[in-house]
Amino acid sequence: MSRKEQIQEMLAEDPKDTFLRYALAMEFKSEGSSEQSLEIFSELMQDDPPYVPAFFMAGQELASLSRIDEAQNTLEEGIAHAKTQGELHAAGEMTEFLNSLA
């Protein structure tokens, strides 16, 4: 059983588990299934509270697909949420990446 299949099996038992959803998105990202990973990252970004790492990974994935405007918007939103949640390190990393896209 692959890592992705293991994660999917665990998610069947607990479909709202944030970390498992993020791990599944990362598996899709690593296998080149960009749209599937972006869909899960998007869901994580809409959680309450939003899952901050999803913004950074989605921004990187969008940039790799040359969807720069979307990447910039995603990162800007992620920076705002990171600051609100007190995740200043994540905000700093996203700011650096955002600046590299300019």
Protein backbone atom coordinates (compact mmCIF):
# COMPACT_ATOMS: atom_id res chain seq x y z
CA MET A 1 0.00 0.00 0.00
CA SER A 2 1.43 3.38 -1.00
CA ARG A 3 1.78 6.30 1.38
CA LYS A 4 -1.03 8.08 -0.47
CA GLU A 5 -3.31 5.06 -0.09
CA GLN A 6 -2.50 4.88 3.62
CA ILE A 7 -3.40 8.55 4.05
CA GLN A 8 -6.63 8.08 2.10
CA GLU A 9 -7.53 5.11 4.30
CA MET A 10 -6.96 7.15 7.46
CA LEU A 11 -8.96 10.03 6.00
CA ALA A 12 -11.89 7.68 5.41
CA GLU A 13 -12.00 7.26 9.19
CA ASP A 14 -11.51 10.96 9.96
CA PRO A 15 -12.26 13.10 6.88
CA LYS A 16 -11.82 16.40 8.74
CA ASP A 17 -8.28 15.69 9.98
CA THR A 18 -6.33 18.75 8.89
CA PHE A 19 -2.90 17.15 8.95
CA LEU A 20 -4.03 14.13 6.91
CA ARG A 21 -5.71 16.38 4.35
CA TYR A 22 -2.53 18.44 4.08
CA ALA A 23 -0.43 15.28 3.77
CA LEU A 24 -2.67 14.05 0.95
CA ALA A 25 -2.33 17.38 -0.86
CA MET A 26 1.45 17.11 -0.53
CA GLU A 27 1.35 13.58 -1.96
CA PHE A 28 -0.61 14.80 -4.97
CA LYS A 29 1.83 17.70 -5.34
CA SER A 30 4.85 15.41 -5.25
CA GLU A 31 3.39 13.12 -7.93
CA GLY A 32 2.63 16.08 -10.20
CA SER A 33 -1.15 16.08 -9.73
CA SER A 34 -1.29 19.85 -9.35
CA GLU A 35 -5.02 20.40 -9.69
CA GLN A 36 -5.82 17.75 -7.08
CA SER A 37 -3.31 19.21 -4.65
CA LEU A 38 -4.57 22.75 -5.25
CA GLU A 39 -8.15 21.62 -4.62
CA ILE A 40 -7.22 20.23 -1.21
CA PHE A 41 -5.05 23.25 -0.35
CA SER A 42 -8.02 25.46 -1.26
CA GLU A 43 -10.29 23.51 1.10
CA LEU A 44 -7.71 23.85 3.88
CA MET A 45 -7.50 27.60 3.25
CA GLN A 46 -11.26 27.85 3.73
CA ASP A 47 -11.25 26.02 7.07
CA ASP A 48 -12.00 27.96 10.23
CA PRO A 49 -9.33 28.87 11.09
CA PRO A 50 -7.54 28.57 7.75
CA TYR A 51 -4.56 26.22 7.72
CA VAL A 52 -1.64 28.59 7.12
CA PRO A 53 0.84 26.12 5.54
CA ALA A 54 -1.69 25.43 2.77
CA PHE A 55 -1.35 29.02 1.53
CA PHE A 56 2.42 28.71 1.16
CA MET A 57 2.27 25.35 -0.61
CA ALA A 58 -0.55 26.51 -2.89
CA GLY A 59 1.40 29.66 -3.70
CA GLN A 60 4.46 27.63 -4.61
CA GLU A 61 2.41 25.24 -6.73
CA LEU A 62 0.65 28.07 -8.56
CA ALA A 63 3.99 29.77 -9.23
CA SER A 64 5.42 26.53 -10.62
CA LEU A 65 2.47 26.46 -13.03
CA SER A 66 3.24 30.08 -14.08
CA ARG A 67 -0.01 31.25 -12.48
CA ILE A 68 1.83 34.15 -10.87
CA ASP A 69 -1.13 36.45 -10.17
CA GLU A 70 -2.97 33.65 -8.40
CA ALA A 71 0.18 32.74 -6.48
CA GLN A 72 0.66 36.33 -5.35
CA ASN A 73 -2.97 36.65 -4.23
CA THR A 74 -2.80 33.36 -2.36
CA LEU A 75 0.42 34.35 -0.61
CA GLU A 76 -0.92 37.78 0.35
CA GLU A 77 -4.00 36.17 1.87
CA GLY A 78 -1.81 33.59 3.63
CA ILE A 79 0.43 36.30 5.10
CA ALA A 80 -2.61 38.06 6.54
CA HIS A 81 -3.93 34.84 8.10
CA ALA A 82 -0.49 33.90 9.41
CA LYS A 83 -0.17 37.28 11.16
CA THR A 84 -3.69 36.97 12.59
CA GLN A 85 -2.85 33.53 13.95
CA GLY A 86 0.50 34.69 15.34
CA GLU A 87 2.50 32.56 12.91
CA LEU A 88 5.13 35.17 12.16
CA HIS A 89 7.72 32.70 10.86
CA ALA A 90 5.26 31.44 8.24
CA ALA A 91 4.34 35.03 7.37
CA GLY A 92 8.03 35.80 6.86
CA GLU A 93 8.60 32.78 4.63
CA MET A 94 5.60 33.64 2.49
CA THR A 95 6.70 37.28 2.28
CA GLU A 96 10.14 36.22 1.04
CA PHE A 97 8.62 33.94 -1.57
CA LEU A 98 6.12 36.61 -2.61
CA ASN A 99 8.96 39.12 -3.07
CA SER A 100 10.81 36.61 -5.24
CA LEU A 101 7.86 36.57 -7.64
CA ALA A 102 7.86 40.32 -8.22
